[in-house]
Amino acid sequence: MAKSMAIPVSLATDHAALVSSPDPQLAAHKKTCYEFYRIVLRGRRLSEADKYMREDYIQHNPNAETGMKGFKDFFSKLGRELPIPETLADLVWIMAEGDMVTIAFRREHDDPAHPGQKYSTTWFDMFRMQGGKIAEHWDPAIKPVPAK
């Protein structure tokens, strides 16, 4: 049996279509999560987090504490504000159902089996919405190995 290589992750080209939905509530949820990611996370505008997140936000990433304060403490360690991108250039897909929104992004890593080459994989962030704001978050993050 021949070994087949994984297919590289493709990027979304029509972001407006991804944040739309025939259901106005789902469209609003997707738009809120998209803008949160673009403005607060990528632009590091932590001062605007309360526009998108509930104060009692629940965090499931093991590297950040739960609540708005835990979120801001974690992300403030990443550095200063950055230019807010027009789009999420690494976006693969946005899905929404009920009060849940999942955003998928392409991630590239150095290929340990092929030095000098890269491979792509997918990162997911999942959000639970409540009252028009992000109430809960999940992602596949793991704790980093402590430096020796």
Protein backbone atom coordinates (compact mmCIF):
# COMPACT_ATOMS: atom_id res chain seq x y z
CA MET A 1 0.00 0.00 0.00
CA ALA A 2 1.44 3.38 -1.01
CA LYS A 3 1.82 6.01 1.68
CA SER A 4 -0.14 9.18 0.92
CA MET A 5 0.77 12.59 2.27
CA ALA A 6 -1.66 14.78 4.20
CA ILE A 7 -3.30 17.50 2.15
CA PRO A 8 -2.30 21.05 3.23
CA VAL A 9 -5.05 23.03 4.96
CA SER A 10 -6.84 25.45 2.61
CA LEU A 11 -7.80 28.97 3.62
CA ALA A 12 -11.22 30.60 3.36
CA THR A 13 -11.50 33.23 0.66
CA ASP A 14 -14.95 34.72 1.37
CA HIS A 15 -15.05 35.81 5.02
CA ALA A 16 -18.30 37.73 4.57
CA ALA A 17 -20.02 34.50 3.51
CA LEU A 18 -18.63 32.67 6.52
CA VAL A 19 -20.03 35.17 9.03
CA SER A 20 -23.43 35.23 7.37
CA SER A 21 -26.38 32.90 7.99
CA PRO A 22 -30.07 32.81 7.11
CA ASP A 23 -30.57 32.71 10.89
CA PRO A 24 -29.88 36.26 12.19
CA GLN A 25 -28.89 34.95 15.64
CA LEU A 26 -26.26 32.59 14.19
CA ALA A 27 -24.94 35.37 11.95
CA ALA A 28 -24.63 37.67 15.00
CA HIS A 29 -22.81 34.97 16.99
CA LYS A 30 -20.36 34.31 14.16
CA LYS A 31 -19.73 38.03 13.59
CA THR A 32 -19.11 38.62 17.32
CA CYS A 33 -16.55 35.81 17.49
CA TYR A 34 -14.86 36.91 14.26
CA GLU A 35 -14.55 40.51 15.44
CA PHE A 36 -13.41 39.41 18.90
CA TYR A 37 -10.64 37.37 17.34
CA ARG A 38 -9.64 40.13 14.91
CA ILE A 39 -9.76 43.10 17.31
CA VAL A 40 -9.14 41.72 20.80
CA LEU A 41 -6.87 38.73 20.13
CA ARG A 42 -4.98 39.66 16.96
CA GLY A 43 -4.95 43.41 17.61
CA ARG A 44 -4.41 42.84 21.34
CA ARG A 45 -7.05 45.45 22.18
CA LEU A 46 -7.75 44.03 25.64
CA SER A 47 -9.51 47.27 26.55
CA GLU A 48 -12.26 46.24 24.11
CA ALA A 49 -12.74 42.72 25.50
CA ASP A 50 -15.83 43.71 27.50
CA LYS A 51 -17.65 44.51 24.21
CA TYR A 52 -17.35 40.84 23.24
CA MET A 53 -17.00 38.86 26.47
CA ARG A 54 -19.04 38.39 29.62
CA GLU A 55 -17.34 39.36 32.88
CA ASP A 56 -17.94 35.81 34.18
CA TYR A 57 -16.37 34.26 31.06
CA ILE A 58 -15.39 30.61 31.54
CA GLN A 59 -11.96 29.60 30.23
CA HIS A 60 -10.95 26.01 29.38
CA ASN A 61 -7.47 26.80 28.04
CA PRO A 62 -5.17 25.41 30.77
CA ASN A 63 -2.77 28.35 30.41
CA ALA A 64 -5.20 31.12 31.38
CA GLU A 65 -7.39 31.67 34.41
CA THR A 66 -11.14 31.85 34.02
CA GLY A 67 -12.96 35.19 34.08
CA MET A 68 -12.27 38.49 32.33
CA LYS A 69 -9.35 39.27 34.65
CA GLY A 70 -7.69 35.91 33.92
CA PHE A 71 -8.15 36.46 30.20
CA LYS A 72 -6.62 39.94 30.32
CA ASP A 73 -3.75 38.84 32.58
CA PHE A 74 -2.83 36.02 30.19
CA PHE A 75 -3.03 38.03 26.97
CA SER A 76 -1.34 41.13 28.39
CA LYS A 77 1.84 39.01 28.75
CA LEU A 78 1.99 38.60 24.96
CA GLY A 79 3.01 42.19 24.38
CA ARG A 80 1.76 45.53 23.19
CA GLU A 81 -1.15 46.34 20.91
CA LEU A 82 -0.71 45.39 17.27
CA PRO A 83 -2.37 46.73 14.13
CA ILE A 84 -5.88 45.29 13.84
CA PRO A 85 -5.94 43.10 10.74
CA GLU A 86 -8.62 43.72 8.13
CA THR A 87 -9.31 39.98 7.99
CA LEU A 88 -8.19 36.78 9.70
CA ALA A 89 -5.68 35.71 7.05
CA ASP A 90 -5.36 32.16 8.42
CA LEU A 91 -9.12 31.50 8.65
CA VAL A 92 -10.35 28.13 7.42
CA TRP A 93 -14.00 28.04 8.52
CA ILE A 94 -16.61 29.34 10.98
CA MET A 95 -19.47 27.13 12.10
CA ALA A 96 -22.36 28.01 14.39
CA GLU A 97 -25.26 26.09 15.83
CA GLY A 98 -27.45 27.11 18.73
CA ASP A 99 -25.27 29.10 21.13
CA MET A 100 -21.98 27.55 19.93
CA VAL A 101 -19.47 28.96 17.43
CA THR A 102 -16.32 27.20 16.24
CA ILE A 103 -13.60 28.96 14.29
CA ALA A 104 -10.88 26.96 12.53
CA PHE A 105 -7.48 28.38 11.56
CA ARG A 106 -4.52 27.06 9.60
CA ARG A 107 -1.32 26.68 11.59
CA GLU A 108 2.07 26.00 10.05
CA HIS A 109 4.89 24.22 11.86
CA ASP A 110 8.43 23.16 11.06
CA ASP A 111 8.41 19.55 9.90
CA PRO A 112 10.71 17.59 12.24
CA ALA A 113 10.97 14.76 9.70
CA HIS A 114 11.98 17.15 6.90
CA PRO A 115 14.23 20.00 8.13
CA GLY A 116 13.62 23.26 6.29
CA GLN A 117 10.08 22.23 5.32
CA LYS A 118 6.76 23.11 6.92
CA TYR A 119 3.46 21.35 7.29
CA SER A 120 0.00 22.73 8.02
CA THR A 121 -2.59 21.66 10.56
CA THR A 122 -5.72 23.16 12.03
CA TRP A 123 -6.35 25.04 15.28
CA PHE A 124 -9.86 25.36 16.68
CA ASP A 125 -11.44 27.84 19.05
CA MET A 126 -14.95 27.11 20.25
CA PHE A 127 -17.15 29.66 21.99
CA ARG A 128 -20.46 29.50 23.82
CA MET A 129 -22.52 32.64 23.44
CA GLN A 130 -24.87 34.07 26.05
CA GLY A 131 -26.71 37.37 25.80
CA GLY A 132 -24.80 38.31 22.64
CA LYS A 133 -21.39 37.91 24.27
CA ILE A 134 -18.79 35.17 24.61
CA ALA A 135 -19.52 33.22 27.79
CA GLU A 136 -17.17 30.25 27.47
CA HIS A 137 -14.12 29.17 25.44
CA TRP A 138 -12.39 25.91 24.49
CA ASP A 139 -9.32 25.20 22.37
CA PRO A 140 -6.78 22.37 22.01
CA ALA A 141 -4.06 24.23 23.98
CA ILE A 142 -1.76 22.25 26.23
CA LYS A 143 0.56 23.45 28.97
CA PRO A 144 4.09 24.19 27.72
CA VAL A 145 7.02 22.19 29.03
CA PRO A 146 8.80 24.34 31.64
CA ALA A 147 12.23 25.64 30.61
CA LYS A 148 15.12 23.88 32.34
